[in-house]
Protein backbone atom coordinates (compact mmCIF):
# COMPACT_ATOMS: atom_id res chain seq x y z
CA MET A 1 -24.52 -16.13 -8.67
CA SER A 2 -22.50 -19.15 -7.70
CA CYS A 3 -19.54 -20.00 -5.57
CA SER A 4 -16.41 -21.02 -7.51
CA ARG A 5 -15.05 -24.33 -5.60
CA LYS A 6 -11.68 -24.43 -7.24
CA PRO A 7 -9.32 -22.18 -5.03
CA MET A 8 -8.29 -19.03 -6.80
CA THR A 9 -5.06 -17.39 -6.40
CA TYR A 10 -3.45 -14.07 -7.49
CA ALA A 11 -1.11 -15.81 -10.06
CA GLN A 12 -4.14 -17.48 -11.80
CA ALA A 13 -5.77 -14.18 -12.01
CA GLY A 14 -2.66 -13.06 -13.84
CA VAL A 15 -0.31 -11.46 -11.43
CA ASN A 16 2.52 -13.69 -10.17
CA ILE A 17 4.19 -11.91 -7.31
CA ASP A 18 7.12 -14.42 -7.39
CA ALA A 19 7.66 -13.90 -11.06
CA LYS A 20 7.28 -10.12 -10.75
CA SER A 21 9.95 -10.08 -7.94
CA GLN A 22 12.32 -12.03 -10.45
CA ALA A 23 11.65 -9.48 -13.21
CA ILE A 24 12.34 -6.51 -10.77
CA GLU A 25 15.56 -8.21 -9.72
CA ALA A 26 16.70 -8.61 -13.31
CA LEU A 27 15.95 -4.77 -13.89
CA VAL A 28 17.75 -3.73 -10.69
CA LYS A 29 20.93 -5.41 -11.60
CA GLN A 30 21.36 -3.23 -14.66
CA LEU A 31 21.08 -0.01 -12.47
CA THR A 32 24.63 0.43 -11.57
CA PHE A 33 25.35 4.14 -12.55
CA ARG A 34 25.84 6.50 -9.72
CA ARG A 35 26.22 10.29 -10.36
CA SER A 36 29.09 12.42 -9.14
CA GLY A 37 28.70 15.49 -7.32
CA LYS A 38 27.47 16.55 -3.75
CA VAL A 39 23.88 15.33 -4.12
CA LYS A 40 23.88 11.65 -4.38
CA MET A 41 21.59 8.76 -3.48
CA ILE A 42 21.53 7.10 -0.12
CA ASP A 43 22.08 3.48 -0.49
CA LEU A 44 19.31 1.87 1.59
CA PRO A 45 17.93 -1.02 -0.69
CA GLY A 46 14.52 -2.33 0.00
CA GLN A 47 12.85 0.81 1.37
CA PHE A 48 9.49 1.94 0.34
CA THR A 49 11.01 5.07 -1.12
CA GLY A 50 14.30 6.14 -2.50
CA LEU A 51 16.52 8.60 -0.50
CA ILE A 52 18.75 11.46 -1.55
CA ASP A 53 21.52 13.00 0.33
CA PHE A 54 20.87 16.76 0.53
CA GLY A 55 23.13 17.95 3.23
CA GLU A 56 21.42 17.93 6.52
CA MET A 57 18.42 16.68 4.89
CA ALA A 58 17.36 13.62 2.80
CA LEU A 59 14.97 13.96 0.17
CA THR A 60 12.68 11.00 -0.65
CA LEU A 61 11.45 10.10 -4.10
CA CYS A 62 8.99 7.39 -4.90
CA THR A 63 6.29 6.39 -7.69
CA ASP A 64 3.10 4.15 -7.61
CA GLY A 65 -0.23 3.85 -9.43
CA VAL A 66 -3.96 3.00 -8.78
CA GLY A 67 -3.56 -0.21 -10.92
CA THR A 68 -6.76 -2.04 -11.96
CA LYS A 69 -9.00 -0.45 -9.60
CA LEU A 70 -9.36 1.84 -12.62
CA LEU A 71 -11.21 -0.75 -14.41
CA ILE A 72 -13.88 -0.69 -11.33
CA ALA A 73 -14.21 2.95 -11.92
CA ARG A 74 -14.72 2.58 -15.63
CA ALA A 75 -17.45 -0.09 -14.74
CA LEU A 76 -19.30 2.25 -12.44
CA GLU A 77 -18.41 5.53 -14.36
CA LYS A 78 -17.27 6.88 -10.94
CA TRP A 79 -13.83 8.50 -11.12
CA ASP A 80 -13.80 11.07 -8.19
CA THR A 81 -12.08 8.94 -5.65
CA VAL A 82 -9.33 7.25 -7.70
CA GLY A 83 -6.98 10.45 -7.47
CA ILE A 84 -7.12 9.90 -3.65
CA ASP A 85 -5.86 6.25 -4.26
CA CYS A 86 -3.11 7.76 -6.57
CA VAL A 87 -1.93 10.14 -3.83
CA ALA A 88 -2.27 7.59 -1.15
CA MET A 89 -0.24 4.88 -2.88
CA ASN A 90 2.91 7.28 -2.91
CA VAL A 91 2.49 9.15 0.29
CA ASN A 92 2.05 6.34 2.29
CA ASP A 93 5.18 4.87 1.11
CA THR A 94 6.92 8.30 1.74
CA ILE A 95 6.30 8.18 5.47
CA CYS A 96 7.68 4.72 6.01
CA VAL A 97 11.12 6.30 6.42
CA GLY A 98 9.90 9.09 8.61
CA ALA A 99 9.64 11.57 5.70
CA GLU A 100 7.09 14.28 5.28
CA PRO A 101 5.48 14.52 1.79
CA ILE A 102 5.83 17.92 0.41
CA SER A 103 5.17 17.67 -3.43
CA PHE A 104 3.43 15.40 -5.93
CA VAL A 105 3.14 15.02 -9.44
CA ASP A 106 0.62 12.73 -11.42
CA TYR A 107 0.90 10.95 -14.66
CA MET A 108 -2.24 10.03 -16.70
CA ALA A 109 -2.43 7.95 -19.82
CA ILE A 110 -5.72 7.97 -21.85
CA ARG A 111 -6.96 6.72 -25.14
CA GLU A 112 -8.70 10.17 -25.83
CA PRO A 113 -9.48 13.45 -24.12
CA ASP A 114 -12.44 13.22 -21.72
CA PRO A 115 -12.91 16.37 -19.81
CA PRO A 116 -15.60 15.00 -17.49
CA LEU A 117 -13.61 12.23 -16.57
CA MET A 118 -10.50 14.18 -15.84
CA GLU A 119 -12.37 16.74 -13.98
CA GLN A 120 -13.67 13.91 -11.46
CA VAL A 121 -9.98 12.61 -11.35
CA GLY A 122 -8.77 16.02 -10.25
CA ILE A 123 -11.27 16.29 -7.55
CA GLY A 124 -9.76 13.19 -6.09
CA LEU A 125 -6.32 14.25 -6.63
CA ASN A 126 -6.94 17.31 -4.96
CA ARG A 127 -8.70 16.02 -2.00
CA GLY A 128 -5.88 13.35 -1.58
CA CYS A 129 -3.31 16.04 -1.57
CA GLU A 130 -5.29 17.95 1.01
CA LEU A 131 -5.52 14.85 3.24
CA ALA A 132 -1.66 14.36 2.93
CA ASN A 133 -0.74 18.01 3.24
CA CYS A 134 1.03 17.92 0.00
CA ASP A 135 1.13 20.15 -2.87
CA LEU A 136 0.65 18.98 -6.53
CA VAL A 137 3.02 20.90 -8.53
CA GLY A 138 2.68 19.59 -11.91
CA GLY A 139 1.77 16.52 -13.83
CA GLU A 140 1.30 15.04 -17.42
CA VAL A 141 -1.69 13.66 -19.57
CA ALA A 142 -0.69 11.39 -22.23
CA VAL A 143 -3.21 10.81 -25.16
CA LEU A 144 -2.08 7.52 -26.42
CA PRO A 145 -4.76 5.89 -28.83
CA GLU A 146 -2.50 3.19 -30.22
CA ILE A 147 -1.33 2.09 -26.82
CA MET A 148 -4.14 2.78 -24.34
CA LYS A 149 -7.50 0.74 -24.17
CA GLU A 150 -8.25 2.27 -20.86
CA VAL A 151 -7.00 4.83 -18.35
CA ASP A 152 -3.71 4.46 -16.23
CA LEU A 153 -3.05 6.86 -13.24
CA SER A 154 0.00 7.02 -11.43
CA GLY A 155 2.09 9.64 -9.60
CA CYS A 156 5.28 10.54 -7.90
CA CYS A 157 5.90 11.98 -4.47
CA LEU A 158 8.73 14.05 -2.96
CA GLY A 159 9.31 14.02 0.48
CA MET A 160 12.04 15.26 3.08
CA VAL A 161 13.43 14.10 6.46
CA ARG A 162 16.48 15.23 8.51
CA LYS A 163 19.02 12.53 7.88
CA ASP A 164 19.56 11.80 11.51
CA ARG A 165 15.78 10.97 11.63
CA ILE A 166 15.68 8.50 8.96
CA ILE A 167 13.67 5.47 10.00
CA ASP A 168 15.36 2.51 8.10
CA GLY A 169 14.43 -0.39 10.25
CA SER A 170 18.11 -1.03 11.28
CA LYS A 171 16.88 -0.59 15.08
CA VAL A 172 14.11 -3.25 14.93
CA ALA A 173 15.13 -5.85 17.33
CA PRO A 174 13.37 -8.68 19.36
CA GLY A 175 11.18 -7.36 22.09
CA ASP A 176 9.97 -4.56 19.92
CA VAL A 177 6.08 -4.37 19.34
CA VAL A 178 4.15 -4.25 16.20
CA VAL A 179 1.33 -1.59 16.15
CA GLY A 180 -1.32 -2.02 13.19
CA LEU A 181 -3.29 0.76 11.77
CA PRO A 182 -6.64 -0.05 10.39
CA SER A 183 -7.41 0.01 6.56
CA SER A 184 -10.44 1.51 4.81
CA GLY A 185 -10.94 -1.62 2.76
CA VAL A 186 -9.04 -3.22 -0.11
CA HIS A 187 -7.20 -0.12 -0.83
CA SER A 188 -5.45 -0.45 -4.32
CA ASN A 189 -3.93 -3.82 -4.00
CA GLY A 190 -5.32 -7.32 -5.12
CA LEU A 191 -8.16 -5.74 -7.30
CA THR A 192 -7.24 -8.06 -10.25
CA LEU A 193 -7.94 -11.08 -8.05
CA ALA A 194 -11.04 -9.43 -6.62
CA ARG A 195 -12.31 -8.83 -10.05
CA LYS A 196 -11.74 -12.16 -11.36
CA VAL A 197 -13.37 -13.81 -8.33
CA LEU A 198 -16.41 -11.63 -9.10
CA GLU A 199 -16.28 -12.36 -12.89
CA ARG A 200 -16.18 -16.09 -12.19
CA ASN A 201 -19.25 -16.02 -10.04
CA GLU A 202 -21.10 -13.75 -12.12
CA VAL A 203 -21.55 -10.86 -9.82
CA ASP A 204 -22.86 -7.45 -10.97
CA TRP A 205 -21.20 -4.47 -9.57
CA ASP A 206 -24.32 -2.97 -8.20
CA GLU A 207 -25.03 -6.34 -6.33
CA LYS A 208 -25.55 -5.78 -2.55
CA PHE A 209 -24.21 -8.00 0.14
CA PRO A 210 -25.58 -7.79 3.60
CA LYS A 211 -22.18 -7.85 5.32
CA LEU A 212 -21.12 -4.81 3.21
CA GLY A 213 -23.94 -2.58 3.67
CA THR A 214 -23.46 -1.08 0.16
CA THR A 215 -22.96 -2.57 -3.37
CA ILE A 216 -19.81 -4.65 -4.06
CA GLY A 217 -18.64 -2.01 -6.52
CA LEU A 218 -18.76 1.01 -4.32
CA GLU A 219 -17.01 -1.24 -1.30
CA LEU A 220 -14.14 -1.73 -3.72
CA LEU A 221 -13.91 1.81 -4.98
CA THR A 222 -13.58 2.88 -1.14
CA PRO A 223 -10.52 5.30 -1.34
CA THR A 224 -7.25 4.01 0.11
CA GLU A 225 -6.61 5.48 3.71
CA ILE A 226 -4.03 8.21 3.89
CA TYR A 227 -2.05 7.79 7.08
CA VAL A 228 0.25 10.90 6.71
CA ARG A 229 -0.89 13.33 9.48
CA LYS A 230 -1.26 10.62 12.27
CA VAL A 231 1.86 8.82 11.56
CA LEU A 232 3.95 11.88 11.36
CA GLU A 233 2.34 12.92 14.80
CA ILE A 234 3.28 9.51 15.95
CA VAL A 235 6.92 9.85 14.97
CA ALA A 236 7.13 13.27 16.46
CA LYS A 237 5.95 11.77 19.92
CA CYS A 238 7.22 8.34 19.95
CA GLN A 239 10.26 6.17 19.29
CA VAL A 240 9.73 4.16 15.97
CA HIS A 241 12.17 1.71 14.67
CA GLY A 242 10.52 0.81 11.56
CA MET A 243 7.34 1.23 9.44
CA ILE A 244 5.51 -0.91 6.83
CA ASP A 245 2.94 0.24 4.12
CA VAL A 246 0.90 -2.97 3.79
CA THR A 247 0.26 -2.97 0.16
CA GLY A 248 1.25 -5.34 -2.84
CA GLY A 249 2.49 -8.66 -0.88
CA GLY A 250 0.26 -8.21 2.07
CA LEU A 251 2.11 -9.55 5.34
CA ARG A 252 5.27 -10.26 3.07
CA ASN A 253 6.04 -6.76 3.37
CA PHE A 254 7.23 -7.05 6.84
CA LEU A 255 10.21 -8.92 5.32
CA ARG A 256 11.50 -5.62 4.01
CA LEU A 257 12.43 -4.78 7.56
CA ARG A 258 15.90 -5.65 8.68
CA HIS A 259 17.13 -9.22 8.18
CA GLY A 260 17.80 -11.37 11.23
CA VAL A 261 14.70 -10.84 13.11
CA GLY A 262 11.05 -12.48 12.74
CA ILE A 263 7.63 -10.90 13.12
CA SER A 264 4.94 -12.56 14.74
CA ILE A 265 1.39 -11.38 14.45
CA ASP A 266 -0.24 -12.76 17.62
CA ASP A 267 -3.51 -10.65 17.58
CA PRO A 268 -4.28 -9.91 13.97
CA MET A 269 -6.45 -6.89 13.04
CA PRO A 270 -10.28 -7.55 12.75
CA VAL A 271 -10.96 -8.53 9.13
CA PRO A 272 -13.40 -6.36 7.12
CA PRO A 273 -16.58 -8.12 5.66
CA ILE A 274 -15.12 -7.40 2.01
CA PHE A 275 -12.23 -9.88 2.27
CA LYS A 276 -14.56 -12.57 3.83
CA VAL A 277 -16.89 -12.11 0.74
CA LEU A 278 -13.98 -12.49 -1.62
CA GLU A 279 -12.51 -15.38 0.31
CA ASP A 280 -15.74 -17.35 0.47
CA LEU A 281 -16.76 -16.49 -3.42
CA GLY A 282 -13.40 -17.29 -4.87
CA SER A 283 -12.62 -20.33 -2.34
CA VAL A 284 -9.14 -18.40 -1.88
CA GLU A 285 -6.93 -19.88 0.60
CA ARG A 286 -6.09 -17.91 3.83
CA SER A 287 -2.40 -17.91 3.04
CA GLU A 288 -3.15 -16.51 -0.49
CA MET A 289 -5.46 -13.83 1.19
CA TYR A 290 -2.75 -12.56 3.53
CA GLN A 291 -0.03 -12.39 0.70
CA THR A 292 -2.42 -10.28 -1.61
CA PHE A 293 -4.56 -8.17 0.60
CA ASN A 294 -4.06 -6.01 3.62
CA MET A 295 -6.92 -7.88 5.57
CA GLY A 296 -7.53 -4.79 7.77
CA MET A 297 -4.21 -3.68 8.52
CA GLY A 298 -3.34 -1.02 6.07
CA PHE A 299 -0.07 0.34 7.79
CA ALA A 300 2.37 -1.02 10.72
CA LEU A 301 4.81 0.52 12.93
CA VAL A 302 7.54 -1.02 15.03
CA CYS A 303 8.11 0.54 18.23
CA PRO A 304 9.74 -0.34 21.79
CA PRO A 305 6.71 -1.57 24.18
CA GLU A 306 5.94 1.89 25.85
CA ASP A 307 6.18 3.80 22.66
CA ALA A 308 3.99 1.35 20.80
CA ARG A 309 1.25 1.93 23.49
CA LYS A 310 1.68 5.64 23.15
CA ALA A 311 1.18 5.18 19.41
CA VAL A 312 -2.01 3.42 19.87
CA SER A 313 -3.36 6.42 21.90
CA VAL A 314 -2.04 9.04 19.38
CA TYR A 315 -3.72 7.36 16.58
CA GLY A 316 -6.74 6.54 18.02
CA GLU A 317 -9.79 4.43 17.07
CA GLY A 318 -8.76 1.19 15.22
CA ALA A 319 -5.07 1.18 16.23
CA ARG A 320 -4.01 -1.83 18.25
CA ILE A 321 -0.84 -3.94 19.25
CA VAL A 322 -1.02 -6.83 16.94
CA GLY A 323 2.19 -8.58 17.46
CA SER A 324 6.02 -8.55 18.14
CA VAL A 325 9.64 -9.04 16.83
CA VAL A 326 11.05 -12.38 17.82
CA GLU A 327 14.37 -14.19 17.14
CA GLY A 328 14.68 -15.72 13.80
CA SER A 329 13.34 -14.86 10.53
CA GLY A 330 10.11 -14.56 8.43
CA VAL A 331 6.67 -13.04 9.43
CA SER A 332 4.12 -15.47 10.83
CA VAL A 333 0.39 -15.58 12.15
CA PRO A 334 0.43 -18.21 14.69
CA SER A 335 -3.36 -18.43 15.15
CA LEU A 336 -3.86 -18.93 11.48
CA GLY A 337 -0.86 -21.13 10.87
CA LEU A 338 0.55 -18.88 8.34
CA ARG A 339 4.14 -18.16 7.68
CA TYR A 340 6.23 -16.32 4.94
CA GLU A 341 9.89 -16.43 4.37
CA LYS A 342 10.49 -14.32 1.60
CA TYR A 343 9.08 -11.23 -0.08
């Protein structure tokens, strides 16, 4: 094993988040149709989930997938946790507006039927729905031998929230406090960069690192944390002005809160060892790490100071106040000299 000295980036690994943003913008510009009738979308752009007006209630709808974490599952032939990731990526987005996940469907695209693999995936999907208190009401398996070389797994979550209790970030204001919730590891974002770092350094999936206490493969397969139950408890007991699922884009996700305010992360979460391993092996710059990975903070809430302290108490172990809302714009980590101005 050798450490690559040329700094590696997510873009060099094949995922350019700026180019992706431009592509999404091009797609969204074409989505101009709005249905007639009583049930219509609620126009709140930039949220982690879509919202639909349903009388006194709003329905929420979002979709996401596991991504290239599935390639690690294939390498280890271990599929029993990726279903948890599939559920987590959706339900954690759902709760960002204060909604409760109620129903889930999955979509699996495969080259050929593989009952043992699908049984393992089912174990994870069931466990994820149990952790999120969310029914899996259906799904689709597409056998696509001419398209698929590997497996793809994604899902869609339906949630609900009273319209007068939607948390859309509009109340976020200077003086509010940011509460960080701990991640369980890499979660399901940045795995393309992680894999390329390991490939360049010829690291085997079963290689053990003293800092990790397990093999690098098993560490990267650690399921994404599901925050549903504790976050909904916080929402019920505390005043919450905004919430962030720290997924693709890392700290840049804070820029999806309301415009006209800045976020200062003055006391970052402790960084789990896996991120230091990847940073060192790939000579990845700190700014790249924090805009690619969660770096130990998988979810964040923005609350008034007193409610922030209560939120920390309600969540329990690992939660902490990490920063505050300030005048200005962007998100910064002063102690690390980091600043991001665009999502």
